Amino acid sequence: MKLAIGALLLAATLPAQQPSPDWRRLEEETMRHFQALLRFDTSDPPGHEAPAVEYLKQVLEREGIPVKIFALDPKRPNLVARLKGSGKKRSLLIMGHTDVVNVDPAKWIHPPFSATREGGYVYGRGAVDDKDNVVACLMVMLELKRRNIPLDRDVIFLAEAGEEGSVRYGIQYMVEKHWPEIEAEFCFAEGAGVVRSGGRARYAQIQTTEKIPYAVRLVATGPAGHGSVPLRTNAVVRLAQAVAKVAAWQTPMRLNDTTRAYFERLATISAPEDAARYNGLAHPDRSAEIQEYFAVHEPRHNAMLRTSISPNILQAGYRVNVIPSEAVATLDIRALPDEDVPRLLELLRGVINDPAVKIVPAERDTRPPAQPSRLGTEAFRAVEAAVRGIYGVPTLPYMSTGATDMAYLRARGVDCYGVGPATDVEDGPKGFGAHSDQERILEEELHRFVRFHWEIVVSVAAAQPVGAPSR
């Protein structure tokens, strides 16, 4: 019944000349494509997205949708499909990545690339990261073409490689070498979703900005020696002291337009005690106490307030009776979008205050910093309307503490919005979330997400009837 009501609300929000697709009829096709994509082992590393891309290419071309393939490595291609619009407005990009993180098959109840359906769920690596977005984009493109929807914008579908750790094969390659193929005013991609609790949708998080990952190494040095003669200059001790200082240091709180709106809107749907905390963040007399509460009880919210630093890897020693001459800690820094990273590292040196411990930036792919996407755009309004019509909940603009490939697009001036299906908050702690050993998605929420994706694309890109008010 809920899905039927959602379908009616969806139909009511579409332009008058665009009848809603028969979503019940399309559910079997959606599931068939989704399972086919999940069954391709596109683990990254090593990265072998070609079979999934070839599948998408065949499906799209059978419907007469033109496809181009771009690849730095033939095993790691990127697919671009385009439906032409009138050119009245700039293009809309919809995007999903075909690679997935690695698996340990021994830990899975169902084989990770089996796409097993059980109890109303589909299990498989990539079920919510990110082949849900890939299949939603695919179904939207197919229906736009089949129904011959008049468009004011080109709609571009990018199925990209390498998001999970090899961006040089995917978004970085496309932005640097093939930008005209994907240049757009707006983009919808992964990055957030609808939060369910107790089986009911509560609110939608729409990613409008994200923190930027940096890895640095703390390298402590000192003379080697025999373990029977402890040394005050022991590199392990120096490193441990440095890590303890870093862990105790908290960078200053800095809200931006996204996080400020997030906490303001979250307060309106929270219990009174929680709402008081969210509203009191900027209050000078209460802020420190609230931040400490978040650090202990709501660590994700604490991470949204500031640039965060987490010591995650320690390496030292090779024998119990040898004092090593070097010890290394790797820090995961997640910087606010406008963070001055060189200055941050200087502050970090002052916090450590030990000339025997050096800060060395690690070599790794990272995303570029960029300004948050705007909240007053046609695209964001379309997302808010679709969330109300399909899920019946409010929209919270969200700063992701993780990283997505939208950072590359935002750095080029594209307003990007991270979307995703409804998932249960209870799933993560149970081990059913993204990157987990039992990744899964509710079938009904996959289908609802496809309808949501259709709504936002049609609202932003479809031509309006003569005399219709601007959306």
Foldseek 3Di string as FASTA:
>chain_A
DLQVQLQVLLQVPFFPVDGDDPLVVCLVVLLVLLLVLQLDQQAPVVGQLQVNVVVLCVVCVVLVWDKDWDWPDNRFIKIKTKDAAPQLFWAEEEEAESYFHDADQVLAPDRQSRLDDDPQKTWHTCQFRPSLSVSLLSVLSSVCSVVVFHWNYMYMYMHFYDFVFHCCGTLVVCVVPPVVRGDGQEYEYADWEFEDAPNATAETEKEQAAFWKFKKKKKFFDDKDWQVDDDPSQRVVLVVLLQVLQVPDDDDFDDDPQLLQQLCVVLVRDDVVSSCLSVCCPPVVCNVVSLVCCVPPVVQNNVNGFWDKDFDDKDDDDDPGMRTRMIMIMIIIGHDLPDPVVVVVVVSCVSSVDPSIDMGTDDGDIFHRADGADCPDLLNVQLQSLCCSNRVYGYRHDYYHDDGSCSNVRRVVHRYIHYGWYDYPVCVVVQQDRPGNTDMDRSVRSSSVSSSSSSSCSLPIGDHDPPDDRD
